[in-house]
C-alpha atoms as a PDB file:
ATOM      1  CA  LEU A   1     -21.154  35.671  39.275  1.00  0.00           C
ATOM      2  CA  LEU A   2     -21.792  31.982  39.202  1.00  0.00           C
ATOM      3  CA  ALA A   3     -25.010  32.441  37.210  1.00  0.00           C
ATOM      4  CA  PHE A   4     -23.207  34.840  34.872  1.00  0.00           C
ATOM      5  CA  GLY A   5     -20.406  32.296  34.394  1.00  0.00           C
ATOM      6  CA  VAL A   6     -22.928  29.553  33.577  1.00  0.00           C
ATOM      7  CA  LEU A   7     -24.689  31.872  31.136  1.00  0.00           C
ATOM      8  CA  VAL A   8     -21.402  32.745  29.404  1.00  0.00           C
ATOM      9  CA  GLY A   9     -20.578  29.037  29.246  1.00  0.00           C
ATOM     10  CA  VAL A  10     -23.954  28.190  27.662  1.00  0.00           C
ATOM     11  CA  VAL A  11     -23.611  31.024  25.131  1.00  0.00           C
ATOM     12  CA  MET A  12     -20.044  29.972  24.273  1.00  0.00           C
ATOM     13  CA  THR A  13     -21.164  26.393  23.817  1.00  0.00           C
ATOM     14  CA  ARG A  14     -23.995  27.408  21.475  1.00  0.00           C
ATOM     15  CA  ARG A  15     -22.098  30.101  19.564  1.00  0.00           C
ATOM     16  CA  VAL A  16     -18.596  28.609  19.340  1.00  0.00           C
ATOM     17  CA  ILE A  17     -18.246  24.980  20.376  1.00  0.00           C
ATOM     18  CA  ARG A  18     -21.374  23.565  18.731  1.00  0.00           C
ATOM     19  CA  PRO A  19     -20.691  25.103  15.269  1.00  0.00           C
ATOM     20  CA  LEU A  20     -17.077  23.927  15.450  1.00  0.00           C
ATOM     21  CA  ARG A  21     -18.135  20.439  16.482  1.00  0.00           C
ATOM     22  CA  GLU A  22     -20.733  20.301  13.657  1.00  0.00           C
ATOM     23  CA  LEU A  23     -18.122  21.478  11.135  1.00  0.00           C
ATOM     24  CA  THR A  24     -15.547  18.974  12.404  1.00  0.00           C
ATOM     25  CA  ASP A  25     -18.075  16.112  12.272  1.00  0.00           C
ATOM     26  CA  ALA A  26     -19.228  17.129   8.775  1.00  0.00           C
ATOM     27  CA  SER A  27     -15.626  17.340   7.563  1.00  0.00           C
ATOM     28  CA  GLY A  28     -14.957  13.833   8.835  1.00  0.00           C
ATOM     29  CA  ARG A  29     -18.093  12.490   7.141  1.00  0.00           C
ATOM     30  CA  LEU A  30     -17.199  14.200   3.857  1.00  0.00           C
ATOM     31  CA  ALA A  31     -13.663  12.798   4.013  1.00  0.00           C
ATOM     32  CA  ALA A  32     -15.169   9.345   4.619  1.00  0.00           C
ATOM     33  CA  GLY A  33     -17.221   9.643   1.419  1.00  0.00           C
ATOM     34  CA  ASP A  34     -20.602  10.974   2.593  1.00  0.00           C
ATOM     35  CA  ARG A  35     -21.063  13.577  -0.146  1.00  0.00           C
ATOM     36  CA  SER A  36     -24.563  14.509   1.072  1.00  0.00           C
ATOM     37  CA  VAL A  37     -23.328  16.034   4.347  1.00  0.00           C
ATOM     38  CA  ARG A  38     -23.993  19.727   4.967  1.00  0.00           C
ATOM     39  CA  VAL A  39     -23.744  21.880   8.107  1.00  0.00           C
ATOM     40  CA  PRO A  40     -26.613  24.051   9.397  1.00  0.00           C
ATOM     41  CA  VAL A  41     -25.983  27.788   8.956  1.00  0.00           C
ATOM     42  CA  ARG A  42     -27.621  29.581  11.897  1.00  0.00           C
ATOM     43  CA  SER A  43     -25.998  32.997  11.801  1.00  0.00           C
ATOM     44  CA  ARG A  44     -24.234  35.514   9.573  1.00  0.00           C
ATOM     45  CA  ASP A  45     -21.095  35.755  11.704  1.00  0.00           C
ATOM     46  CA  GLU A  46     -17.778  34.042  10.986  1.00  0.00           C
ATOM     47  CA  PHE A  47     -19.175  30.647  11.900  1.00  0.00           C
ATOM     48  CA  GLY A  48     -22.124  31.132   9.556  1.00  0.00           C
ATOM     49  CA  ARG A  49     -19.821  32.164   6.724  1.00  0.00           C
ATOM     50  CA  LEU A  50     -17.538  29.223   7.444  1.00  0.00           C
ATOM     51  CA  GLY A  51     -20.527  26.856   7.388  1.00  0.00           C
ATOM     52  CA  ALA A  52     -21.775  28.353   4.102  1.00  0.00           C
ATOM     53  CA  ALA A  53     -18.284  27.995   2.585  1.00  0.00           C
ATOM     54  CA  PHE A  54     -18.118  24.361   3.741  1.00  0.00           C
ATOM     55  CA  ASN A  55     -21.539  23.663   2.176  1.00  0.00           C
ATOM     56  CA  ALA A  56     -20.458  25.258  -1.111  1.00  0.00           C
ATOM     57  CA  MET A  57     -17.289  23.197  -1.102  1.00  0.00           C
ATOM     58  CA  ALA A  58     -19.239  19.990  -0.355  1.00  0.00           C
ATOM     59  CA  THR A  59     -21.633  20.762  -3.221  1.00  0.00           C
ATOM     60  CA  GLN A  60     -18.698  21.289  -5.595  1.00  0.00           C
ATOM     61  CA  VAL A  61     -16.995  18.082  -4.433  1.00  0.00           C
ATOM     62  CA  ASP A  62     -20.254  16.183  -4.977  1.00  0.00           C
ATOM     63  CA  ALA A  63     -20.644  17.580  -8.501  1.00  0.00           C
ATOM     64  CA  GLU A  64     -17.037  16.839  -9.431  1.00  0.00           C
ATOM     65  CA  VAL A  65     -17.153  13.273  -8.114  1.00  0.00           C
ATOM     66  CA  ALA A  66     -20.438  12.668  -9.942  1.00  0.00           C
ATOM     67  CA  ALA A  67     -18.975  14.045 -13.197  1.00  0.00           C
ATOM     68  CA  ARG A  68     -15.832  11.919 -12.813  1.00  0.00           C
ATOM     69  CA  THR A  69     -17.935   8.816 -12.054  1.00  0.00           C
ATOM     70  CA  ASP A  70     -20.039   9.432 -15.176  1.00  0.00           C
ATOM     71  CA  ALA A  71     -16.960   9.948 -17.353  1.00  0.00           C
ATOM     72  CA  GLU A  72     -15.369   6.807 -15.960  1.00  0.00           C
ATOM     73  CA  ALA A  73     -18.522   4.790 -16.623  1.00  0.00           C
ATOM     74  CA  GLN A  74     -18.666   6.081 -20.207  1.00  0.00           C
ATOM     75  CA  TRP A  75     -14.984   5.258 -20.762  1.00  0.00           C
ATOM     76  CA  ARG A  76     -15.461   1.762 -19.370  1.00  0.00           C
ATOM     77  CA  MET A  77     -18.481   1.207 -21.601  1.00  0.00           C
ATOM     78  CA  LEU A  78     -16.662   2.475 -24.712  1.00  0.00           C
ATOM     79  CA  PHE A  79     -13.594   0.395 -23.886  1.00  0.00           C
ATOM     80  CA  SER A  80     -15.316  -2.824 -22.897  1.00  0.00           C
ATOM     81  CA  GLU A  81     -17.903  -2.785 -25.708  1.00  0.00           C
ATOM     82  CA  ASN A  82     -15.559  -1.746 -28.527  1.00  0.00           C
ATOM     83  CA  PRO A  83     -15.850  -4.416 -31.238  1.00  0.00           C
ATOM     84  CA  LEU A  84     -12.063  -4.453 -31.756  1.00  0.00           C
ATOM     85  CA  PRO A  85      -9.668  -6.001 -29.252  1.00  0.00           C
ATOM     86  CA  MET A  86      -8.203  -3.383 -26.913  1.00  0.00           C
ATOM     87  CA  TRP A  87      -5.917  -3.571 -23.935  1.00  0.00           C
ATOM     88  CA  VAL A  88      -3.993  -1.372 -21.528  1.00  0.00           C
ATOM     89  CA  VAL A  89      -0.408  -2.431 -20.796  1.00  0.00           C
ATOM     90  CA  ASP A  90       1.966  -1.127 -18.124  1.00  0.00           C
ATOM     91  CA  ILE A  91       4.856   0.411 -20.064  1.00  0.00           C
ATOM     92  CA  GLU A  92       7.530  -0.737 -17.600  1.00  0.00           C
ATOM     93  CA  THR A  93       6.404  -4.307 -16.819  1.00  0.00           C
ATOM     94  CA  LEU A  94       4.477  -4.993 -20.069  1.00  0.00           C
ATOM     95  CA  ALA A  95       1.700  -6.509 -17.861  1.00  0.00           C
ATOM     96  CA  PHE A  96      -1.875  -6.256 -19.016  1.00  0.00           C
ATOM     97  CA  LEU A  97      -3.812  -3.870 -16.768  1.00  0.00           C
ATOM     98  CA  ALA A  98      -7.110  -4.131 -18.620  1.00  0.00           C
ATOM     99  CA  VAL A  99      -8.553  -5.903 -21.645  1.00  0.00           C
ATOM    100  CA  ASN A 100     -11.905  -5.522 -23.330  1.00  0.00           C
ATOM    101  CA  ASN A 101     -14.511  -8.144 -24.214  1.00  0.00           C
ATOM    102  CA  ALA A 102     -13.386  -8.329 -27.870  1.00  0.00           C
ATOM    103  CA  ALA A 103      -9.824  -9.252 -26.756  1.00  0.00           C
ATOM    104  CA  VAL A 104     -11.206 -11.976 -24.507  1.00  0.00           C
ATOM    105  CA  GLU A 105     -13.265 -13.392 -27.380  1.00  0.00           C
ATOM    106  CA  ARG A 106     -10.567 -13.077 -30.087  1.00  0.00           C
ATOM    107  CA  TYR A 107      -7.613 -14.387 -28.100  1.00  0.00           C
ATOM    108  CA  GLY A 108      -9.418 -16.963 -25.932  1.00  0.00           C
ATOM    109  CA  TRP A 109      -7.972 -16.091 -22.516  1.00  0.00           C
ATOM    110  CA  GLN A 110     -10.361 -15.187 -19.719  1.00  0.00           C
ATOM    111  CA  PRO A 111      -9.976 -11.829 -17.858  1.00  0.00           C
ATOM    112  CA  ASP A 112      -8.373 -13.451 -14.824  1.00  0.00           C
ATOM    113  CA  GLU A 113      -5.816 -15.083 -17.144  1.00  0.00           C
ATOM    114  CA  TRP A 114      -5.033 -11.792 -18.864  1.00  0.00           C
ATOM    115  CA  ALA A 115      -4.354 -10.289 -15.426  1.00  0.00           C
ATOM    116  CA  THR A 116      -1.364 -12.637 -15.015  1.00  0.00           C
ATOM    117  CA  MET A 117       0.070 -12.116 -18.522  1.00  0.00           C
ATOM    118  CA  THR A 118       2.338  -9.686 -20.348  1.00  0.00           C
ATOM    119  CA  ILE A 119       2.364  -8.758 -24.015  1.00  0.00           C
ATOM    120  CA  LYS A 120       5.129 -11.333 -24.508  1.00  0.00           C
ATOM    121  CA  ASP A 121       2.542 -14.026 -23.787  1.00  0.00           C
ATOM    122  CA  ILE A 122       0.512 -13.152 -26.895  1.00  0.00           C
ATOM    123  CA  ARG A 123       3.518 -13.031 -29.197  1.00  0.00           C
ATOM    124  CA  PRO A 124       5.045 -16.049 -30.933  1.00  0.00           C
ATOM    125  CA  THR A 125       8.255 -16.941 -29.129  1.00  0.00           C
ATOM    126  CA  GLU A 126      10.447 -16.227 -32.144  1.00  0.00           C
ATOM    127  CA  ASP A 127       9.074 -12.636 -32.394  1.00  0.00           C
ATOM    128  CA  ILE A 128       9.885 -11.609 -28.803  1.00  0.00           C
ATOM    129  CA  PRO A 129      13.522 -10.475 -29.344  1.00  0.00           C
ATOM    130  CA  ALA A 130      12.513  -8.129 -32.197  1.00  0.00           C
ATOM    131  CA  MET A 131       9.600  -6.807 -30.129  1.00  0.00           C
ATOM    132  CA  GLN A 132      11.875  -6.180 -27.145  1.00  0.00           C
ATOM    133  CA  ALA A 133      14.374  -4.292 -29.352  1.00  0.00           C
ATOM    134  CA  ILE A 134      11.600  -1.988 -30.604  1.00  0.00           C
ATOM    135  CA  LEU A 135      10.291  -1.418 -27.074  1.00  0.00           C
ATOM    136  CA  ASP A 136      13.812  -0.613 -25.846  1.00  0.00           C
ATOM    137  CA  ARG A 137      14.175   2.076 -28.554  1.00  0.00           C
ATOM    138  CA  HIS A 138      10.633   3.501 -28.266  1.00  0.00           C
ATOM    139  CA  PRO A 139       9.056   2.454 -24.944  1.00  0.00           C
ATOM    140  CA  ALA A 140       6.131   4.883 -25.004  1.00  0.00           C
ATOM    141  CA  GLY A 141       6.035   6.514 -28.397  1.00  0.00           C
ATOM    142  CA  PRO A 142       2.861   6.426 -30.458  1.00  0.00           C
ATOM    143  CA  MET A 143       2.219   3.155 -32.217  1.00  0.00           C
ATOM    144  CA  LEU A 144       0.406   3.676 -35.497  1.00  0.00           C
ATOM    145  CA  GLY A 145      -0.197   0.842 -37.905  1.00  0.00           C
ATOM    146  CA  ALA A 146       2.488  -1.479 -36.521  1.00  0.00           C
ATOM    147  CA  MET A 147       2.117  -4.919 -38.099  1.00  0.00           C
ATOM    148  CA  VAL A 148       2.901  -7.781 -35.720  1.00  0.00           C
ATOM    149  CA  ARG A 149       2.040 -11.381 -35.181  1.00  0.00           C
ATOM    150  CA  HIS A 150      -0.025 -12.483 -32.194  1.00  0.00           C
ATOM    151  CA  ARG A 151      -1.120 -15.850 -30.975  1.00  0.00           C
ATOM    152  CA  SER A 152      -4.343 -16.937 -29.383  1.00  0.00           C
ATOM    153  CA  LYS A 153      -4.735 -19.281 -26.414  1.00  0.00           C
ATOM    154  CA  ASP A 154      -5.200 -22.244 -28.741  1.00  0.00           C
ATOM    155  CA  GLY A 155      -1.855 -21.461 -30.450  1.00  0.00           C
ATOM    156  CA  ARG A 156      -3.132 -19.959 -33.711  1.00  0.00           C
ATOM    157  CA  VAL A 157      -0.874 -17.207 -35.023  1.00  0.00           C
ATOM    158  CA  PHE A 158      -2.393 -14.245 -36.879  1.00  0.00           C
ATOM    159  CA  GLU A 159      -1.311 -10.840 -38.138  1.00  0.00           C
ATOM    160  CA  VAL A 160      -2.491  -7.794 -36.232  1.00  0.00           C
ATOM    161  CA  GLU A 161      -2.284  -4.084 -37.003  1.00  0.00           C
ATOM    162  CA  LEU A 162      -1.687  -2.200 -33.749  1.00  0.00           C
ATOM    163  CA  ASN A 163      -2.546   1.392 -32.965  1.00  0.00           C
ATOM    164  CA  GLY A 164      -1.802   2.765 -29.532  1.00  0.00           C
ATOM    165  CA  ARG A 165      -0.644   5.645 -27.439  1.00  0.00           C
ATOM    166  CA  GLU A 166       0.597   6.381 -23.954  1.00  0.00           C
ATOM    167  CA  VAL A 167      -2.006   7.035 -21.260  1.00  0.00           C
ATOM    168  CA  ARG A 168      -2.096   7.291 -17.457  1.00  0.00           C
ATOM    169  CA  PHE A 169      -3.972   4.324 -16.035  1.00  0.00           C
ATOM    170  CA  GLN A 170      -4.342   3.649 -12.303  1.00  0.00           C
ATOM    171  CA  GLY A 171      -1.488   6.050 -11.631  1.00  0.00           C
ATOM    172  CA  ARG A 172       0.878   4.238 -14.040  1.00  0.00           C
ATOM    173  CA  ARG A 173       2.414   5.060 -17.377  1.00  0.00           C
ATOM    174  CA  ALA A 174       0.605   2.708 -19.711  1.00  0.00           C
ATOM    175  CA  ARG A 175      -0.192   2.153 -23.365  1.00  0.00           C
ATOM    176  CA  LEU A 176      -3.749   1.876 -24.653  1.00  0.00           C
ATOM    177  CA  THR A 177      -3.671  -0.316 -27.756  1.00  0.00           C
ATOM    178  CA  MET A 178      -6.230  -1.472 -30.274  1.00  0.00           C
ATOM    179  CA  GLY A 179      -5.538  -4.479 -32.473  1.00  0.00           C
ATOM    180  CA  VAL A 180      -7.137  -5.084 -35.852  1.00  0.00           C
ATOM    181  CA  ASP A 181      -6.906  -8.671 -37.056  1.00  0.00           C
ATOM    182  CA  PHE A 182      -5.217  -8.162 -40.407  1.00  0.00           C
ATOM    183  CA  THR A 183      -5.556 -11.825 -41.339  1.00  0.00           C
ATOM    184  CA  GLU A 184      -9.318 -11.397 -41.643  1.00  0.00           C
ATOM    185  CA  ARG A 185      -8.915  -8.198 -43.595  1.00  0.00           C
ATOM    186  CA  ARG A 186      -6.436  -9.816 -45.987  1.00  0.00           C
ATOM    187  CA  THR A 187      -8.789 -12.749 -46.531  1.00  0.00           C
ATOM    188  CA  LEU A 188     -11.644 -10.338 -47.302  1.00  0.00           C
ATOM    189  CA  GLU A 189      -9.429  -8.372 -49.703  1.00  0.00           C
ATOM    190  CA  GLN A 190      -8.416 -11.554 -51.548  1.00  0.00           C
END
């Protein structure tokens, strides 16, 4: 009886406890970000099917994370390398959440400075009340061809045509906006 009990214990350990422990460990590793983790499938019973299902899920998670990472990298490249100034602003606080390289070059503020600013900081002081009235009436509506005045870090004021729309950014309601320096266009037209 003792030998039979030991044998049953060994079989239970190999057939039940070990597969469950491997699955639990693999689940923890996958949750921690190890997308390469897979569990060995040693049988065709319920534990084997559970292991195969886990491996299929892990493969799908890996593919989806890779696709999202690629899409994010493409978006970042298109945003940051766009030749026109672009920014993402939190709709509620009006704080800049992201700016591209063209905005840094055109306006003169460095990325760490933009991170502490709101859209009010790039508007001439006398234009802020009118801007606030428009934002109060249409906080997130599409912005197509709006003509406004902006100012650069050195104080120069110039006309900008804005085009933007609402987006979700870092879990927030935000507005993605592109600004075309109309002063340069007007000079070229003249």
